[in-house]
Amino acid sequence: MKHSLLLTLLLTISLPLAAQAADSYTIDPEHSFPHFSVNHLGFSTLQGRFDKTSGKATLDIAGKKGSVELNVEAASVSTGFVKRDAHLRSSDFFNAAEFPMVTFKSTTFKFNGDKPESIEGNLTLLGVTKPVKLTINSFHCGFDPMDPFKKREKCGGDISAQIKRTDFGMKFGVPAVGDDIKLVFEIEAIKD
């Protein structure tokens, strides 16, 4: 009787603790910078960015798991040239009117020790969802050094992937404008 009571008590205490092992974070849109690069006519590499990003993440370093959901507003694409940006928003490229969001939802985190090294998940672009592996090039968690009271914990990283835009139905201009796209997500997230 004593053993079963003790076991019940331990389970009652440990289950909520296990459920709370993952920390949750909100993507900081002011310090997150998704951008891309693509070959332009064989002469140069065109750079572009998205100015509006949101999302959530969880991280359980001890359990070696996590999750992330990124939402990028397609209409916020910017290359520094107004006419090109309007063309990128059109149905030739991002078709922002019909597909306002580009999303990534993780399925698996891979760790190397206590550091996450890659995230596998599904990228949705132009209504097409494909599996994509993101490589975590750098990663750091800690208190925001600009917060004098050390109350704001953050995690951030530089994450990248290589995709073919034609896999998602974005075919305009290929091969003059490259099919291979390098995606980079420079992300900071604040602990909830």
Protein backbone atom coordinates (compact mmCIF):
# COMPACT_ATOMS: atom_id res chain seq x y z
CA MET A 1 0.00 0.00 0.00
CA LYS A 2 2.80 2.41 0.94
CA HIS A 3 4.66 1.64 -2.31
CA SER A 4 1.62 2.23 -4.52
CA LEU A 5 0.84 5.50 -2.71
CA LEU A 6 4.45 6.63 -3.13
CA LEU A 7 4.43 5.63 -6.83
CA THR A 8 1.15 7.51 -7.41
CA LEU A 9 2.58 10.59 -5.69
CA LEU A 10 5.78 10.45 -7.77
CA LEU A 11 3.83 10.08 -11.02
CA THR A 12 1.54 12.94 -10.05
CA ILE A 13 4.56 15.18 -9.50
CA SER A 14 6.71 14.02 -12.44
CA LEU A 15 4.10 14.05 -15.22
CA PRO A 16 3.44 17.81 -15.08
CA LEU A 17 7.18 18.43 -14.86
CA ALA A 18 7.81 16.30 -17.96
CA ALA A 19 5.02 18.08 -19.80
CA GLN A 20 6.62 21.42 -18.93
CA ALA A 21 10.16 20.45 -19.98
CA ALA A 22 9.85 22.25 -23.33
CA ASP A 23 10.20 26.03 -23.24
CA SER A 24 8.03 28.01 -25.63
CA TYR A 25 9.14 31.05 -27.59
CA THR A 26 7.59 33.70 -29.82
CA ILE A 27 9.49 34.76 -32.94
CA ASP A 28 10.67 38.37 -32.58
CA PRO A 29 9.67 40.06 -35.86
CA GLU A 30 12.00 43.01 -35.22
CA HIS A 31 15.04 40.76 -35.00
CA SER A 32 14.20 38.04 -37.51
CA PHE A 33 15.33 38.30 -41.09
CA PRO A 34 14.32 35.70 -43.67
CA HIS A 35 16.10 36.25 -46.97
CA PHE A 36 16.98 34.48 -50.19
CA SER A 37 19.45 34.56 -53.05
CA VAL A 38 19.13 33.41 -56.67
CA ASN A 39 21.29 33.56 -59.79
CA HIS A 40 20.17 36.39 -62.06
CA LEU A 41 20.79 35.84 -65.78
CA GLY A 42 24.17 34.27 -65.06
CA PHE A 43 25.62 37.69 -64.23
CA SER A 44 24.98 38.16 -60.53
CA THR A 45 23.29 36.85 -57.43
CA LEU A 46 20.05 38.63 -56.63
CA GLN A 47 19.33 39.12 -52.92
CA GLY A 48 15.85 39.51 -51.47
CA ARG A 49 14.26 39.57 -48.06
CA PHE A 50 10.88 39.42 -46.36
CA ASP A 51 10.00 42.19 -43.94
CA LYS A 52 7.14 40.50 -42.05
CA THR A 53 7.67 37.26 -40.15
CA SER A 54 5.90 35.66 -37.20
CA GLY A 55 5.83 32.29 -35.50
CA LYS A 56 6.25 30.12 -32.45
CA ALA A 57 8.84 27.61 -31.29
CA THR A 58 9.39 25.13 -28.49
CA LEU A 59 12.69 23.76 -27.30
CA ASP A 60 13.46 20.90 -24.93
CA ILE A 61 17.24 20.56 -24.87
CA ALA A 62 17.24 17.80 -22.25
CA GLY A 63 14.69 15.79 -24.25
CA LYS A 64 16.44 16.57 -27.56
CA LYS A 65 13.28 17.83 -29.24
CA GLY A 66 11.64 20.98 -30.40
CA SER A 67 9.20 22.48 -32.84
CA VAL A 68 8.99 25.59 -34.95
CA GLU A 69 6.36 27.24 -37.07
CA LEU A 70 7.36 30.21 -39.24
CA ASN A 71 4.94 32.40 -41.16
CA VAL A 72 6.33 34.78 -43.76
CA GLU A 73 4.11 37.31 -45.53
CA ALA A 74 4.77 36.89 -49.26
CA ALA A 75 3.75 40.49 -50.01
CA SER A 76 6.54 41.76 -47.75
CA VAL A 77 9.19 40.66 -50.28
CA SER A 78 11.79 43.36 -50.86
CA THR A 79 14.81 43.54 -53.16
CA GLY A 80 15.41 47.27 -53.03
CA PHE A 81 13.79 47.86 -56.44
CA VAL A 82 10.06 48.75 -56.42
CA LYS A 83 9.24 47.50 -59.93
CA ARG A 84 10.95 44.13 -59.35
CA ASP A 85 9.22 43.76 -55.96
CA ALA A 86 5.82 44.27 -57.62
CA HIS A 87 6.73 41.60 -60.20
CA LEU A 88 7.82 39.20 -57.42
CA ARG A 89 4.43 39.68 -55.71
CA SER A 90 2.61 38.85 -58.97
CA SER A 91 1.38 35.45 -60.17
CA ASP A 92 4.69 34.97 -62.04
CA PHE A 93 6.47 34.44 -58.72
CA PHE A 94 5.01 34.54 -55.16
CA ASN A 95 1.38 35.21 -56.19
CA ALA A 96 0.91 37.05 -52.89
CA ALA A 97 -2.76 37.84 -53.55
CA GLU A 98 -3.72 34.15 -53.78
CA PHE A 99 -1.06 32.73 -51.44
CA PRO A 100 -0.37 35.40 -48.81
CA MET A 101 1.79 33.20 -46.55
CA VAL A 102 4.91 31.14 -46.98
CA THR A 103 5.07 28.72 -44.04
CA PHE A 104 7.45 26.24 -42.50
CA LYS A 105 6.30 23.67 -39.91
CA SER A 106 8.88 21.39 -38.35
CA THR A 107 8.49 17.65 -37.98
CA THR A 108 11.88 16.73 -36.41
CA PHE A 109 14.77 18.42 -34.63
CA LYS A 110 18.22 16.77 -34.81
CA PHE A 111 20.73 17.48 -32.05
CA ASN A 112 24.50 17.24 -31.73
CA GLY A 113 24.97 17.07 -27.98
CA ASP A 114 22.99 19.95 -26.49
CA LYS A 115 22.95 21.96 -29.71
CA PRO A 116 20.26 21.57 -32.35
CA GLU A 117 21.97 21.03 -35.73
CA SER A 118 19.07 20.67 -38.17
CA ILE A 119 15.32 20.93 -38.46
CA GLU A 120 13.27 18.85 -40.85
CA GLY A 121 9.81 19.98 -41.79
CA ASN A 122 7.37 21.08 -44.46
CA LEU A 123 7.70 24.26 -46.47
CA THR A 124 4.53 25.55 -48.10
CA LEU A 125 4.96 27.97 -51.00
CA LEU A 126 2.30 28.76 -53.63
CA GLY A 127 0.01 26.22 -51.96
CA VAL A 128 2.52 23.40 -52.53
CA THR A 129 3.99 21.63 -49.49
CA LYS A 130 7.35 19.85 -49.72
CA PRO A 131 9.75 18.44 -47.12
CA VAL A 132 12.78 20.65 -46.49
CA LYS A 133 15.79 20.23 -44.22
CA LEU A 134 17.07 23.39 -42.55
CA THR A 135 20.68 23.40 -41.36
CA ILE A 136 21.37 25.30 -38.15
CA ASN A 137 24.63 27.13 -38.82
CA SER A 138 24.73 28.91 -35.44
CA PHE A 139 22.55 28.74 -32.34
CA HIS A 140 22.56 30.45 -28.94
CA CYS A 141 20.22 30.83 -25.96
CA GLY A 142 20.62 33.23 -23.06
CA PHE A 143 19.48 36.45 -21.48
CA ASP A 144 19.13 39.53 -23.67
CA PRO A 145 22.29 41.59 -22.91
CA MET A 146 20.30 44.80 -23.56
CA ASP A 147 17.92 43.95 -20.68
CA PRO A 148 19.49 45.34 -17.48
CA PHE A 149 17.20 43.20 -15.30
CA LYS A 150 18.01 39.93 -17.14
CA LYS A 151 14.35 38.98 -17.46
CA ARG A 152 14.16 38.40 -21.22
CA GLU A 153 15.50 35.02 -22.25
CA LYS A 154 16.05 34.52 -25.96
CA CYS A 155 17.19 31.89 -28.41
CA GLY A 156 18.40 32.64 -31.88
CA GLY A 157 20.19 31.23 -34.82
CA ASP A 158 21.22 31.36 -38.43
CA ILE A 159 19.37 28.63 -40.32
CA SER A 160 19.62 27.83 -44.04
CA ALA A 161 18.33 25.54 -46.77
CA GLN A 162 18.61 25.06 -50.53
CA ILE A 163 15.43 24.53 -52.55
CA LYS A 164 14.37 24.41 -56.20
CA ARG A 165 11.61 26.93 -56.81
CA THR A 166 10.17 24.85 -59.67
CA ASP A 167 9.39 22.11 -57.11
CA PHE A 168 6.78 24.54 -55.77
CA GLY A 169 5.46 25.56 -59.20
CA MET A 170 7.40 28.83 -59.49
CA LYS A 171 8.62 28.41 -63.07
CA PHE A 172 8.70 31.92 -64.53
CA GLY A 173 12.07 32.90 -66.00
CA VAL A 174 13.82 29.52 -65.56
CA PRO A 175 16.63 28.98 -66.51
CA ALA A 176 17.63 32.65 -66.99
CA VAL A 177 16.59 33.36 -63.43
CA GLY A 178 17.93 30.45 -61.40
CA ASP A 179 15.93 27.52 -60.13
CA ASP A 180 18.19 26.98 -57.08
CA ILE A 181 17.26 29.25 -54.21
CA LYS A 182 19.28 29.66 -51.03
CA LEU A 183 17.01 30.42 -48.08
CA VAL A 184 18.40 31.88 -44.88
CA PHE A 185 16.40 32.47 -41.72
CA GLU A 186 18.15 34.63 -39.16
CA ILE A 187 15.80 34.22 -36.23
CA GLU A 188 15.53 35.50 -32.68
CA ALA A 189 12.74 34.30 -30.40
CA ILE A 190 11.73 35.50 -26.95
CA LYS A 191 10.82 33.02 -24.22
CA ASP A 192 7.12 33.17 -23.33
